[in-house]
C-alpha atoms as a PDB file:
ATOM      1  CA  UNK A   1     188.100 -76.289 -28.923  1.00  0.00           C
ATOM      2  CA  UNK A   2     187.419 -72.870 -30.326  1.00  0.00           C
ATOM      3  CA  UNK A   3     184.605 -70.376 -29.252  1.00  0.00           C
ATOM      4  CA  UNK A   4     182.182 -69.970 -32.136  1.00  0.00           C
ATOM      5  CA  UNK A   5     180.140 -67.242 -30.450  1.00  0.00           C
ATOM      6  CA  UNK A   6     179.863 -64.313 -32.899  1.00  0.00           C
ATOM      7  CA  UNK A   7     181.518 -61.082 -31.735  1.00  0.00           C
ATOM      8  CA  UNK A   8     179.788 -57.680 -32.385  1.00  0.00           C
ATOM      9  CA  UNK A   9     182.088 -54.944 -33.559  1.00  0.00           C
ATOM     10  CA  UNK A  10     182.378 -52.272 -30.742  1.00  0.00           C
ATOM     11  CA  UNK A  11     182.857 -49.507 -33.181  1.00  0.00           C
ATOM     12  CA  UNK A  12     179.090 -49.629 -33.868  1.00  0.00           C
ATOM     13  CA  UNK A  13     178.493 -48.350 -30.332  1.00  0.00           C
ATOM     14  CA  UNK A  14     180.435 -45.240 -30.969  1.00  0.00           C
ATOM     15  CA  UNK A  15     178.272 -44.217 -34.057  1.00  0.00           C
ATOM     16  CA  UNK A  16     175.532 -42.435 -32.032  1.00  0.00           C
ATOM     17  CA  UNK A  17     178.061 -40.447 -29.972  1.00  0.00           C
ATOM     18  CA  UNK A  18     179.880 -39.408 -33.128  1.00  0.00           C
ATOM     19  CA  UNK A  19     176.544 -38.200 -34.693  1.00  0.00           C
ATOM     20  CA  UNK A  20     175.700 -36.233 -31.504  1.00  0.00           C
ATOM     21  CA  UNK A  21     179.162 -34.851 -31.310  1.00  0.00           C
ATOM     22  CA  UNK A  22     179.002 -33.644 -34.932  1.00  0.00           C
ATOM     23  CA  UNK A  23     175.493 -32.104 -34.393  1.00  0.00           C
ATOM     24  CA  UNK A  24     176.723 -30.271 -31.256  1.00  0.00           C
ATOM     25  CA  UNK A  25     179.745 -29.015 -33.027  1.00  0.00           C
ATOM     26  CA  UNK A  26     177.508 -27.782 -35.980  1.00  0.00           C
ATOM     27  CA  UNK A  27     175.010 -26.116 -33.496  1.00  0.00           C
ATOM     28  CA  UNK A  28     177.897 -24.519 -31.538  1.00  0.00           C
ATOM     29  CA  UNK A  29     179.277 -23.086 -34.801  1.00  0.00           C
ATOM     30  CA  UNK A  30     175.948 -21.718 -35.691  1.00  0.00           C
ATOM     31  CA  UNK A  31     175.491 -20.201 -32.227  1.00  0.00           C
ATOM     32  CA  UNK A  32     178.819 -18.391 -32.381  1.00  0.00           C
ATOM     33  CA  UNK A  33     178.154 -17.080 -35.880  1.00  0.00           C
ATOM     34  CA  UNK A  34     174.669 -15.892 -34.711  1.00  0.00           C
ATOM     35  CA  UNK A  35     175.955 -14.031 -31.678  1.00  0.00           C
ATOM     36  CA  UNK A  36     178.674 -12.450 -33.798  1.00  0.00           C
ATOM     37  CA  UNK A  37     176.018 -11.225 -36.205  1.00  0.00           C
ATOM     38  CA  UNK A  38     173.932  -9.877 -33.299  1.00  0.00           C
ATOM     39  CA  UNK A  39     176.921  -7.958 -31.837  1.00  0.00           C
ATOM     40  CA  UNK A  40     177.991  -6.639 -35.242  1.00  0.00           C
ATOM     41  CA  UNK A  41     174.457  -5.361 -36.080  1.00  0.00           C
ATOM     42  CA  UNK A  42     174.029  -3.948 -32.603  1.00  0.00           C
ATOM     43  CA  UNK A  43     177.221  -1.967 -32.909  1.00  0.00           C
ATOM     44  CA  UNK A  44     176.195  -0.708 -36.439  1.00  0.00           C
ATOM     45  CA  UNK A  45     172.744   0.368 -35.221  1.00  0.00           C
ATOM     46  CA  UNK A  46     174.112   2.210 -32.241  1.00  0.00           C
ATOM     47  CA  UNK A  47     176.624   4.106 -34.432  1.00  0.00           C
ATOM     48  CA  UNK A  48     173.827   4.912 -36.973  1.00  0.00           C
ATOM     49  CA  UNK A  49     171.605   6.343 -34.212  1.00  0.00           C
ATOM     50  CA  UNK A  50     174.513   8.376 -32.786  1.00  0.00           C
ATOM     51  CA  UNK A  51     175.001   9.936 -36.247  1.00  0.00           C
ATOM     52  CA  UNK A  52     171.283  10.840 -36.250  1.00  0.00           C
ATOM     53  CA  UNK A  53     171.763  12.758 -33.015  1.00  0.00           C
ATOM     54  CA  UNK A  54     170.953  10.056 -30.377  1.00  0.00           C
ATOM     55  CA  UNK A  55     173.014   9.839 -27.196  1.00  0.00           C
ATOM     56  CA  UNK A  56     173.778   6.276 -26.357  1.00  0.00           C
ATOM     57  CA  UNK A  57     176.267   5.075 -23.734  1.00  0.00           C
ATOM     58  CA  UNK A  58     176.736   1.746 -22.043  1.00  0.00           C
ATOM     59  CA  UNK A  59     179.335  -0.491 -20.471  1.00  0.00           C
ATOM     60  CA  UNK A  60     180.862  -3.321 -22.411  1.00  0.00           C
ATOM     61  CA  UNK A  61     178.229  -5.642 -23.918  1.00  0.00           C
ATOM     62  CA  UNK A  62     178.276  -9.368 -23.126  1.00  0.00           C
ATOM     63  CA  UNK A  63     176.638 -12.237 -24.972  1.00  0.00           C
ATOM     64  CA  UNK A  64     175.769 -15.544 -23.319  1.00  0.00           C
ATOM     65  CA  UNK A  65     173.091 -18.197 -23.523  1.00  0.00           C
ATOM     66  CA  UNK A  66     174.657 -21.138 -25.326  1.00  0.00           C
ATOM     67  CA  UNK A  67     173.300 -23.494 -26.553  1.00  0.00           C
ATOM     68  CA  UNK A  68     169.632 -22.560 -26.917  1.00  0.00           C
ATOM     69  CA  UNK A  69     169.388 -18.827 -26.231  1.00  0.00           C
ATOM     70  CA  UNK A  70     171.138 -15.758 -27.398  1.00  0.00           C
ATOM     71  CA  UNK A  71     171.215 -13.297 -24.435  1.00  0.00           C
ATOM     72  CA  UNK A  72     172.767  -9.780 -24.854  1.00  0.00           C
ATOM     73  CA  UNK A  73     173.408  -7.848 -21.639  1.00  0.00           C
ATOM     74  CA  UNK A  74     173.997  -3.957 -21.895  1.00  0.00           C
ATOM     75  CA  UNK A  75     174.946  -2.650 -18.436  1.00  0.00           C
ATOM     76  CA  UNK A  76     174.729   1.052 -17.466  1.00  0.00           C
ATOM     77  CA  UNK A  77     172.612   1.814 -20.568  1.00  0.00           C
ATOM     78  CA  UNK A  78     171.561   5.383 -21.414  1.00  0.00           C
ATOM     79  CA  UNK A  79     169.474   5.946 -24.598  1.00  0.00           C
ATOM     80  CA  UNK A  80     168.340   9.482 -25.289  1.00  0.00           C
ATOM     81  CA  UNK A  81     166.586  10.534 -28.544  1.00  0.00           C
ATOM     82  CA  UNK A  82     167.008  13.945 -30.151  1.00  0.00           C
ATOM     83  CA  UNK A  83     163.505  14.767 -28.921  1.00  0.00           C
ATOM     84  CA  UNK A  84     164.729  14.616 -25.389  1.00  0.00           C
ATOM     85  CA  UNK A  85     162.884  11.482 -24.509  1.00  0.00           C
ATOM     86  CA  UNK A  86     164.798   8.483 -23.385  1.00  0.00           C
ATOM     87  CA  UNK A  87     165.538   5.788 -20.852  1.00  0.00           C
ATOM     88  CA  UNK A  88     168.414   4.736 -18.579  1.00  0.00           C
ATOM     89  CA  UNK A  89     168.796   1.492 -16.747  1.00  0.00           C
ATOM     90  CA  UNK A  90     171.375  -0.246 -14.700  1.00  0.00           C
ATOM     91  CA  UNK A  91     171.020  -3.072 -17.038  1.00  0.00           C
ATOM     92  CA  UNK A  92     169.069  -3.965 -20.292  1.00  0.00           C
ATOM     93  CA  UNK A  93     168.932  -7.573 -21.311  1.00  0.00           C
ATOM     94  CA  UNK A  94     167.749  -8.746 -24.742  1.00  0.00           C
ATOM     95  CA  UNK A  95     167.056 -12.417 -25.358  1.00  0.00           C
ATOM     96  CA  UNK A  96     165.984 -14.570 -28.253  1.00  0.00           C
ATOM     97  CA  UNK A  97     165.874 -18.288 -29.014  1.00  0.00           C
ATOM     98  CA  UNK A  98     168.890 -19.330 -31.082  1.00  0.00           C
ATOM     99  CA  UNK A  99     166.544 -21.134 -33.492  1.00  0.00           C
ATOM    100  CA  UNK A 100     164.197 -18.135 -33.818  1.00  0.00           C
ATOM    101  CA  UNK A 101     166.268 -14.843 -33.846  1.00  0.00           C
ATOM    102  CA  UNK A 102     163.227 -13.070 -35.284  1.00  0.00           C
ATOM    103  CA  UNK A 103     161.615 -12.581 -31.932  1.00  0.00           C
ATOM    104  CA  UNK A 104     163.400 -10.725 -29.127  1.00  0.00           C
ATOM    105  CA  UNK A 105     162.414  -9.840 -25.610  1.00  0.00           C
ATOM    106  CA  UNK A 106     164.176  -6.939 -23.782  1.00  0.00           C
ATOM    107  CA  UNK A 107     163.881  -6.600 -19.992  1.00  0.00           C
ATOM    108  CA  UNK A 108     165.001  -4.129 -17.407  1.00  0.00           C
ATOM    109  CA  UNK A 109     165.555  -6.401 -14.446  1.00  0.00           C
ATOM    110  CA  UNK A 110     166.492  -3.597 -12.048  1.00  0.00           C
ATOM    111  CA  UNK A 111     164.043  -0.963 -13.267  1.00  0.00           C
ATOM    112  CA  UNK A 112     164.676   2.117 -15.290  1.00  0.00           C
ATOM    113  CA  UNK A 113     164.524   5.839 -15.384  1.00  0.00           C
ATOM    114  CA  UNK A 114     162.231   7.500 -17.989  1.00  0.00           C
ATOM    115  CA  UNK A 115     163.272  10.841 -19.283  1.00  0.00           C
ATOM    116  CA  UNK A 116     160.340  13.039 -20.543  1.00  0.00           C
ATOM    117  CA  UNK A 117     162.101  15.843 -22.460  1.00  0.00           C
ATOM    118  CA  UNK A 118     161.366  19.147 -20.488  1.00  0.00           C
ATOM    119  CA  UNK A 119     159.202  17.348 -17.877  1.00  0.00           C
ATOM    120  CA  UNK A 120     162.124  15.670 -16.122  1.00  0.00           C
ATOM    121  CA  UNK A 121     162.930  12.072 -15.056  1.00  0.00           C
ATOM    122  CA  UNK A 122     160.557   9.471 -13.607  1.00  0.00           C
ATOM    123  CA  UNK A 123     161.929   6.343 -11.734  1.00  0.00           C
ATOM    124  CA  UNK A 124     160.079   3.235 -12.883  1.00  0.00           C
ATOM    125  CA  UNK A 125     160.124   0.035 -10.813  1.00  0.00           C
ATOM    126  CA  UNK A 126     157.936  -3.018 -10.725  1.00  0.00           C
ATOM    127  CA  UNK A 127     157.794  -6.846 -10.841  1.00  0.00           C
ATOM    128  CA  UNK A 128     158.306  -6.915 -14.651  1.00  0.00           C
ATOM    129  CA  UNK A 129     159.359  -4.369 -17.234  1.00  0.00           C
ATOM    130  CA  UNK A 130     159.625  -5.938 -20.755  1.00  0.00           C
ATOM    131  CA  UNK A 131     159.419  -5.088 -24.450  1.00  0.00           C
ATOM    132  CA  UNK A 132     159.159  -7.656 -27.214  1.00  0.00           C
ATOM    133  CA  UNK A 133     159.504  -7.316 -30.914  1.00  0.00           C
ATOM    134  CA  UNK A 134     158.849  -9.968 -33.554  1.00  0.00           C
ATOM    135  CA  UNK A 135     158.480 -10.383 -37.344  1.00  0.00           C
ATOM    136  CA  UNK A 136     161.525  -8.150 -37.800  1.00  0.00           C
ATOM    137  CA  UNK A 137     161.586  -8.644 -41.627  1.00  0.00           C
ATOM    138  CA  UNK A 138     158.000  -7.253 -42.080  1.00  0.00           C
ATOM    139  CA  UNK A 139     157.343  -3.663 -42.896  1.00  0.00           C
ATOM    140  CA  UNK A 140     155.807  -3.163 -39.449  1.00  0.00           C
ATOM    141  CA  UNK A 141     157.086  -5.553 -36.805  1.00  0.00           C
ATOM    142  CA  UNK A 142     154.806  -6.636 -33.924  1.00  0.00           C
ATOM    143  CA  UNK A 143     155.573  -4.719 -30.803  1.00  0.00           C
ATOM    144  CA  UNK A 144     154.502  -5.243 -27.211  1.00  0.00           C
ATOM    145  CA  UNK A 145     155.448  -3.377 -24.049  1.00  0.00           C
ATOM    146  CA  UNK A 146     154.292  -4.613 -20.708  1.00  0.00           C
ATOM    147  CA  UNK A 147     154.742  -3.502 -17.132  1.00  0.00           C
ATOM    148  CA  UNK A 148     153.739  -5.780 -14.235  1.00  0.00           C
ATOM    149  CA  UNK A 149     152.874  -3.920 -10.972  1.00  0.00           C
ATOM    150  CA  UNK A 150     154.857  -0.773 -12.080  1.00  0.00           C
ATOM    151  CA  UNK A 151     155.497   2.222  -9.741  1.00  0.00           C
ATOM    152  CA  UNK A 152     156.292   5.708 -10.843  1.00  0.00           C
ATOM    153  CA  UNK A 153     158.242   8.246  -8.798  1.00  0.00           C
ATOM    154  CA  UNK A 154     159.127  11.675  -9.963  1.00  0.00           C
ATOM    155  CA  UNK A 155     162.730  12.557  -9.429  1.00  0.00           C
ATOM    156  CA  UNK A 156     163.931  15.878  -8.200  1.00  0.00           C
ATOM    157  CA  UNK A 157     162.793  18.806 -10.335  1.00  0.00           C
ATOM    158  CA  UNK A 158     160.504  16.621 -12.485  1.00  0.00           C
ATOM    159  CA  UNK A 159     156.786  17.209 -13.116  1.00  0.00           C
ATOM    160  CA  UNK A 160     154.574  14.631 -11.291  1.00  0.00           C
ATOM    161  CA  UNK A 161     153.488  11.601 -13.298  1.00  0.00           C
ATOM    162  CA  UNK A 162     149.707  11.145 -13.536  1.00  0.00           C
ATOM    163  CA  UNK A 163     149.661   7.783 -11.788  1.00  0.00           C
ATOM    164  CA  UNK A 164     151.716   6.390  -8.881  1.00  0.00           C
ATOM    165  CA  UNK A 165     151.344   2.695  -9.606  1.00  0.00           C
ATOM    166  CA  UNK A 166     149.214   0.156 -11.453  1.00  0.00           C
ATOM    167  CA  UNK A 167     148.663  -3.668 -11.568  1.00  0.00           C
ATOM    168  CA  UNK A 168     149.499  -3.868 -15.303  1.00  0.00           C
ATOM    169  CA  UNK A 169     150.098  -1.585 -18.289  1.00  0.00           C
ATOM    170  CA  UNK A 170     150.221  -3.075 -21.705  1.00  0.00           C
ATOM    171  CA  UNK A 171     150.716  -1.585 -25.148  1.00  0.00           C
ATOM    172  CA  UNK A 172     150.602  -3.559 -28.405  1.00  0.00           C
ATOM    173  CA  UNK A 173     150.933  -2.587 -32.067  1.00  0.00           C
ATOM    174  CA  UNK A 174     150.697  -4.880 -35.157  1.00  0.00           C
ATOM    175  CA  UNK A 175     149.793  -4.420 -38.808  1.00  0.00           C
ATOM    176  CA  UNK A 176     146.107  -3.964 -39.452  1.00  0.00           C
ATOM    177  CA  UNK A 177     144.580  -6.815 -41.455  1.00  0.00           C
ATOM    178  CA  UNK A 178     141.765  -6.625 -43.973  1.00  0.00           C
ATOM    179  CA  UNK A 179     140.451  -9.974 -45.341  1.00  0.00           C
ATOM    180  CA  UNK A 180     143.552 -11.646 -43.860  1.00  0.00           C
ATOM    181  CA  UNK A 181     146.035  -9.404 -45.634  1.00  0.00           C
ATOM    182  CA  UNK A 182     148.294  -7.076 -43.632  1.00  0.00           C
ATOM    183  CA  UNK A 183     148.020  -3.389 -44.460  1.00  0.00           C
ATOM    184  CA  UNK A 184     151.061  -1.561 -45.760  1.00  0.00           C
ATOM    185  CA  UNK A 185     150.229   1.757 -43.916  1.00  0.00           C
ATOM    186  CA  UNK A 186     147.884   1.011 -40.968  1.00  0.00           C
ATOM    187  CA  UNK A 187     148.637  -0.245 -37.559  1.00  0.00           C
ATOM    188  CA  UNK A 188     146.228  -1.644 -34.926  1.00  0.00           C
ATOM    189  CA  UNK A 189     147.130  -0.476 -31.377  1.00  0.00           C
ATOM    190  CA  UNK A 190     145.792  -1.801 -28.113  1.00  0.00           C
ATOM    191  CA  UNK A 191     146.336  -0.075 -24.733  1.00  0.00           C
ATOM    192  CA  UNK A 192     145.356  -1.679 -21.455  1.00  0.00           C
ATOM    193  CA  UNK A 193     145.693  -0.093 -18.011  1.00  0.00           C
ATOM    194  CA  UNK A 194     144.578  -2.187 -14.955  1.00  0.00           C
ATOM    195  CA  UNK A 195     143.910  -0.797 -11.446  1.00  0.00           C
ATOM    196  CA  UNK A 196     145.977   2.353 -11.609  1.00  0.00           C
ATOM    197  CA  UNK A 197     146.223   4.599  -8.560  1.00  0.00           C
ATOM    198  CA  UNK A 198     146.644   8.328  -9.095  1.00  0.00           C
ATOM    199  CA  UNK A 199     149.288  10.388  -7.423  1.00  0.00           C
ATOM    200  CA  UNK A 200     148.165  12.355  -4.320  1.00  0.00           C
ATOM    201  CA  UNK A 201     146.213  15.438  -5.311  1.00  0.00           C
ATOM    202  CA  UNK A 202     146.305  14.584  -9.029  1.00  0.00           C
ATOM    203  CA  UNK A 203     143.526  14.334 -11.563  1.00  0.00           C
ATOM    204  CA  UNK A 204     143.402  10.495 -11.572  1.00  0.00           C
ATOM    205  CA  UNK A 205     143.019  10.397  -7.822  1.00  0.00           C
ATOM    206  CA  UNK A 206     140.306  13.006  -8.053  1.00  0.00           C
ATOM    207  CA  UNK A 207     138.415  11.242 -10.819  1.00  0.00           C
ATOM    208  CA  UNK A 208     138.486   7.926  -9.071  1.00  0.00           C
ATOM    209  CA  UNK A 209     137.711   9.335  -5.594  1.00  0.00           C
ATOM    210  CA  UNK A 210     140.938   7.771  -4.360  1.00  0.00           C
ATOM    211  CA  UNK A 211     139.886   4.501  -6.154  1.00  0.00           C
ATOM    212  CA  UNK A 212     141.424   2.879  -9.121  1.00  0.00           C
ATOM    213  CA  UNK A 213     141.471   3.602 -12.867  1.00  0.00           C
ATOM    214  CA  UNK A 214     141.297   0.944 -15.605  1.00  0.00           C
ATOM    215  CA  UNK A 215     141.197   1.329 -19.312  1.00  0.00           C
ATOM    216  CA  UNK A 216     140.952  -0.909 -22.375  1.00  0.00           C
ATOM    217  CA  UNK A 217     141.271   1.096 -25.569  1.00  0.00           C
ATOM    218  CA  UNK A 218     141.934  -0.035 -29.217  1.00  0.00           C
ATOM    219  CA  UNK A 219     142.263   1.931 -32.365  1.00  0.00           C
ATOM    220  CA  UNK A 220     143.782   1.802 -35.894  1.00  0.00           C
ATOM    221  CA  UNK A 221     146.517   4.176 -36.827  1.00  0.00           C
ATOM    222  CA  UNK A 222     146.203   5.515 -40.480  1.00  0.00           C
ATOM    223  CA  UNK A 223     149.437   6.682 -42.160  1.00  0.00           C
ATOM    224  CA  UNK A 224     151.647   4.610 -39.951  1.00  0.00           C
ATOM    225  CA  UNK A 225     154.593   4.842 -42.297  1.00  0.00           C
ATOM    226  CA  UNK A 226     154.945   8.514 -41.167  1.00  0.00           C
ATOM    227  CA  UNK A 227     155.562   7.468 -37.612  1.00  0.00           C
ATOM    228  CA  UNK A 228     159.365   7.992 -37.690  1.00  0.00           C
ATOM    229  CA  UNK A 229     161.936  10.430 -36.611  1.00  0.00           C
ATOM    230  CA  UNK A 230     162.602  10.852 -32.894  1.00  0.00           C
ATOM    231  CA  UNK A 231     163.669  14.486 -33.489  1.00  0.00           C
ATOM    232  CA  UNK A 232     162.908  17.491 -31.318  1.00  0.00           C
ATOM    233  CA  UNK A 233     159.334  17.684 -32.918  1.00  0.00           C
ATOM    234  CA  UNK A 234     158.411  14.207 -31.775  1.00  0.00           C
ATOM    235  CA  UNK A 235     157.570  10.967 -33.559  1.00  0.00           C
ATOM    236  CA  UNK A 236     153.960  12.107 -34.198  1.00  0.00           C
ATOM    237  CA  UNK A 237     154.867  15.428 -35.910  1.00  0.00           C
ATOM    238  CA  UNK A 238     155.434  14.181 -39.475  1.00  0.00           C
ATOM    239  CA  UNK A 239     152.518  11.758 -39.097  1.00  0.00           C
ATOM    240  CA  UNK A 240     150.199  14.671 -38.116  1.00  0.00           C
ATOM    241  CA  UNK A 241     151.516  16.905 -41.027  1.00  0.00           C
ATOM    242  CA  UNK A 242     150.792  14.063 -43.495  1.00  0.00           C
ATOM    243  CA  UNK A 243     147.143  13.724 -42.265  1.00  0.00           C
ATOM    244  CA  UNK A 244     147.706  10.789 -39.906  1.00  0.00           C
ATOM    245  CA  UNK A 245     144.729   9.906 -37.728  1.00  0.00           C
ATOM    246  CA  UNK A 246     143.247   7.360 -35.353  1.00  0.00           C
ATOM    247  CA  UNK A 247     140.137   5.555 -36.633  1.00  0.00           C
ATOM    248  CA  UNK A 248     137.916   2.912 -35.143  1.00  0.00           C
ATOM    249  CA  UNK A 249     138.513   4.048 -31.630  1.00  0.00           C
ATOM    250  CA  UNK A 250     136.776   1.792 -29.109  1.00  0.00           C
ATOM    251  CA  UNK A 251     137.195   1.253 -25.380  1.00  0.00           C
ATOM    252  CA  UNK A 252     136.006   0.899 -21.863  1.00  0.00           C
ATOM    253  CA  UNK A 253     137.004   3.025 -18.837  1.00  0.00           C
ATOM    254  CA  UNK A 254     136.395   2.558 -15.094  1.00  0.00           C
ATOM    255  CA  UNK A 255     137.211   5.335 -12.761  1.00  0.00           C
ATOM    256  CA  UNK A 256     136.220   4.405  -9.219  1.00  0.00           C
ATOM    257  CA  UNK A 257     132.458   3.784  -9.330  1.00  0.00           C
ATOM    258  CA  UNK A 258     132.051   5.469 -12.660  1.00  0.00           C
ATOM    259  CA  UNK A 259     132.251   3.366 -15.927  1.00  0.00           C
ATOM    260  CA  UNK A 260     132.082   4.478 -19.610  1.00  0.00           C
ATOM    261  CA  UNK A 261     132.046   2.980 -23.137  1.00  0.00           C
ATOM    262  CA  UNK A 262     133.892   5.201 -25.450  1.00  0.00           C
ATOM    263  CA  UNK A 263     134.003   5.372 -29.358  1.00  0.00           C
ATOM    264  CA  UNK A 264     135.213   7.700 -32.137  1.00  0.00           C
ATOM    265  CA  UNK A 265     135.441   7.401 -35.869  1.00  0.00           C
ATOM    266  CA  UNK A 266     138.312   9.760 -36.181  1.00  0.00           C
ATOM    267  CA  UNK A 267     140.803  11.481 -33.879  1.00  0.00           C
ATOM    268  CA  UNK A 268     143.880  13.374 -34.932  1.00  0.00           C
ATOM    269  CA  UNK A 269     146.330  15.951 -33.625  1.00  0.00           C
ATOM    270  CA  UNK A 270     146.627  19.640 -34.217  1.00  0.00           C
ATOM    271  CA  UNK A 271     149.828  21.569 -35.043  1.00  0.00           C
ATOM    272  CA  UNK A 272     150.343  22.021 -31.326  1.00  0.00           C
ATOM    273  CA  UNK A 273     150.353  18.139 -30.886  1.00  0.00           C
ATOM    274  CA  UNK A 274     147.146  18.093 -28.865  1.00  0.00           C
ATOM    275  CA  UNK A 275     144.305  15.745 -29.715  1.00  0.00           C
ATOM    276  CA  UNK A 276     141.440  16.965 -31.927  1.00  0.00           C
ATOM    277  CA  UNK A 277     138.061  15.316 -32.543  1.00  0.00           C
ATOM    278  CA  UNK A 278     135.083  14.091 -30.620  1.00  0.00           C
ATOM    279  CA  UNK A 279     134.537  11.067 -28.446  1.00  0.00           C
ATOM    280  CA  UNK A 280     131.145   9.548 -27.836  1.00  0.00           C
ATOM    281  CA  UNK A 281     130.757   8.370 -24.221  1.00  0.00           C
ATOM    282  CA  UNK A 282     128.033   6.007 -22.810  1.00  0.00           C
ATOM    283  CA  UNK A 283     128.590   6.645 -19.071  1.00  0.00           C
ATOM    284  CA  UNK A 284     127.253   5.196 -15.829  1.00  0.00           C
ATOM    285  CA  UNK A 285     127.495   7.319 -12.727  1.00  0.00           C
ATOM    286  CA  UNK A 286     129.527  10.032 -14.532  1.00  0.00           C
ATOM    287  CA  UNK A 287     128.917  12.707 -11.887  1.00  0.00           C
ATOM    288  CA  UNK A 288     131.212  10.921  -9.311  1.00  0.00           C
ATOM    289  CA  UNK A 289     134.227  11.108 -11.659  1.00  0.00           C
ATOM    290  CA  UNK A 290     133.498  14.661 -12.821  1.00  0.00           C
ATOM    291  CA  UNK A 291     132.930  15.964  -9.301  1.00  0.00           C
ATOM    292  CA  UNK A 292     136.115  14.252  -8.273  1.00  0.00           C
ATOM    293  CA  UNK A 293     137.976  16.246 -11.022  1.00  0.00           C
ATOM    294  CA  UNK A 294     136.426  19.405  -9.596  1.00  0.00           C
ATOM    295  CA  UNK A 295     137.920  18.647  -6.201  1.00  0.00           C
ATOM    296  CA  UNK A 296     141.344  17.854  -7.596  1.00  0.00           C
ATOM    297  CA  UNK A 297     144.289  19.975  -6.514  1.00  0.00           C
ATOM    298  CA  UNK A 298     145.941  19.512  -9.974  1.00  0.00           C
ATOM    299  CA  UNK A 299     146.715  22.707 -11.833  1.00  0.00           C
ATOM    300  CA  UNK A 300     145.962  21.014 -15.080  1.00  0.00           C
ATOM    301  CA  UNK A 301     142.244  20.610 -14.168  1.00  0.00           C
ATOM    302  CA  UNK A 302     139.826  23.540 -14.695  1.00  0.00           C
ATOM    303  CA  UNK A 303     137.969  23.184 -11.379  1.00  0.00           C
ATOM    304  CA  UNK A 304     135.243  25.621 -12.281  1.00  0.00           C
ATOM    305  CA  UNK A 305     134.593  23.899 -15.593  1.00  0.00           C
ATOM    306  CA  UNK A 306     134.593  20.439 -13.902  1.00  0.00           C
ATOM    307  CA  UNK A 307     132.154  21.774 -11.265  1.00  0.00           C
ATOM    308  CA  UNK A 308     129.817  23.103 -13.841  1.00  0.00           C
ATOM    309  CA  UNK A 309     129.926  19.742 -15.828  1.00  0.00           C
ATOM    310  CA  UNK A 310     129.175  17.909 -12.584  1.00  0.00           C
ATOM    311  CA  UNK A 311     126.175  20.028 -11.835  1.00  0.00           C
ATOM    312  CA  UNK A 312     124.910  19.537 -15.404  1.00  0.00           C
ATOM    313  CA  UNK A 313     125.179  15.742 -15.162  1.00  0.00           C
ATOM    314  CA  UNK A 314     123.718  15.504 -11.536  1.00  0.00           C
ATOM    315  CA  UNK A 315     120.173  15.403 -12.964  1.00  0.00           C
ATOM    316  CA  UNK A 316     120.898  11.989 -14.539  1.00  0.00           C
ATOM    317  CA  UNK A 317     121.257  10.348 -11.219  1.00  0.00           C
ATOM    318  CA  UNK A 318     122.209   6.628 -11.448  1.00  0.00           C
ATOM    319  CA  UNK A 319     120.921   6.294 -15.027  1.00  0.00           C
ATOM    320  CA  UNK A 320     123.322   5.723 -17.849  1.00  0.00           C
ATOM    321  CA  UNK A 321     123.827   8.883 -19.964  1.00  0.00           C
ATOM    322  CA  UNK A 322     125.248   9.628 -23.452  1.00  0.00           C
ATOM    323  CA  UNK A 323     127.812  12.344 -23.478  1.00  0.00           C
ATOM    324  CA  UNK A 324     130.093  13.798 -26.192  1.00  0.00           C
ATOM    325  CA  UNK A 325     133.664  14.845 -25.248  1.00  0.00           C
ATOM    326  CA  UNK A 326     135.251  17.378 -27.585  1.00  0.00           C
ATOM    327  CA  UNK A 327     138.997  17.878 -28.088  1.00  0.00           C
ATOM    328  CA  UNK A 328     139.387  21.396 -29.622  1.00  0.00           C
ATOM    329  CA  UNK A 329     141.447  24.529 -29.187  1.00  0.00           C
ATOM    330  CA  UNK A 330     143.882  22.578 -27.055  1.00  0.00           C
ATOM    331  CA  UNK A 331     141.274  21.770 -24.427  1.00  0.00           C
ATOM    332  CA  UNK A 332     138.999  18.917 -23.378  1.00  0.00           C
ATOM    333  CA  UNK A 333     135.334  20.013 -23.466  1.00  0.00           C
ATOM    334  CA  UNK A 334     132.173  18.462 -22.047  1.00  0.00           C
ATOM    335  CA  UNK A 335     129.403  20.511 -23.568  1.00  0.00           C
ATOM    336  CA  UNK A 336     130.219  24.136 -22.823  1.00  0.00           C
ATOM    337  CA  UNK A 337     132.618  23.249 -19.946  1.00  0.00           C
ATOM    338  CA  UNK A 338     136.373  23.114 -20.455  1.00  0.00           C
ATOM    339  CA  UNK A 339     137.718  20.406 -18.187  1.00  0.00           C
ATOM    340  CA  UNK A 340     141.457  20.224 -18.833  1.00  0.00           C
ATOM    341  CA  UNK A 341     144.066  20.522 -21.565  1.00  0.00           C
ATOM    342  CA  UNK A 342     143.573  18.014 -24.418  1.00  0.00           C
ATOM    343  CA  UNK A 343     145.881  15.049 -24.397  1.00  0.00           C
ATOM    344  CA  UNK A 344     149.119  15.901 -26.140  1.00  0.00           C
ATOM    345  CA  UNK A 345     150.801  13.520 -28.581  1.00  0.00           C
ATOM    346  CA  UNK A 346     154.003  15.562 -29.189  1.00  0.00           C
END
């Protein structure tokens, strides 16, 4: 008697495994091709920057992350622009999704050293130091730099940094949009500073009365295509010469017990790189911050001017007051009182 039970072919069980194997092989091929392209373009970019006068050194680069990430590690990285500004880090790590190589995140897991041209070097630590860039094929990519609980320590021979630490520092830029269309020559910029502490004896510590400084400021950069060339003149030099300016400046500042809403229709930089223009300020308790500046031991603060400004605002008491800060002649003015040098862009 024969067994009439139908037999199922076993080769059908292997089909899903064959499909998965082929897909994995194809994906692995794509990953190795992508990492090869990344390494090739990185080498070409470094060489191009060196020819333009940049100093770039690093230990051998490694690429890992298979199968879903592309992770490029650059140990002992030193990147110095012709302007004299640069960074150095025990390791820089850049990472992107293998299916979206148009969005990269760069981190400095062991901190970095910031070089400020003739002002010396600052050691930067913290819980997170990262920079991201996306939409690389666009005229202006989206950029974001973020520091989580950073600390700043001036190294030997360097000028002090204005702040000693903060809870968060964030800077973002992206193309300005009008009616949903991206501008070809304007960038929106956002700067956020959360709970910063000034260095001992510095202007921030004075203005906050040993408290904390927070800021949220946004603006639009007009003439953004001129922001190029990290030469000795600085990235803002050609932009300034071509009439570049900040418009739509809006923000909120909190220094200790003093708060202020700020706005300006236009700010620019002079030939010396210092800010020019006027800033409208709606301030609450401004005397505390100005008096704190007057007591600062920083050589950058005009203590006599700050004392005069504090006396002039004392009559306002606790009431909100409208002020106008002028940036002119390389100085920051409140009415007739010169408080400090105007902020410098280059």
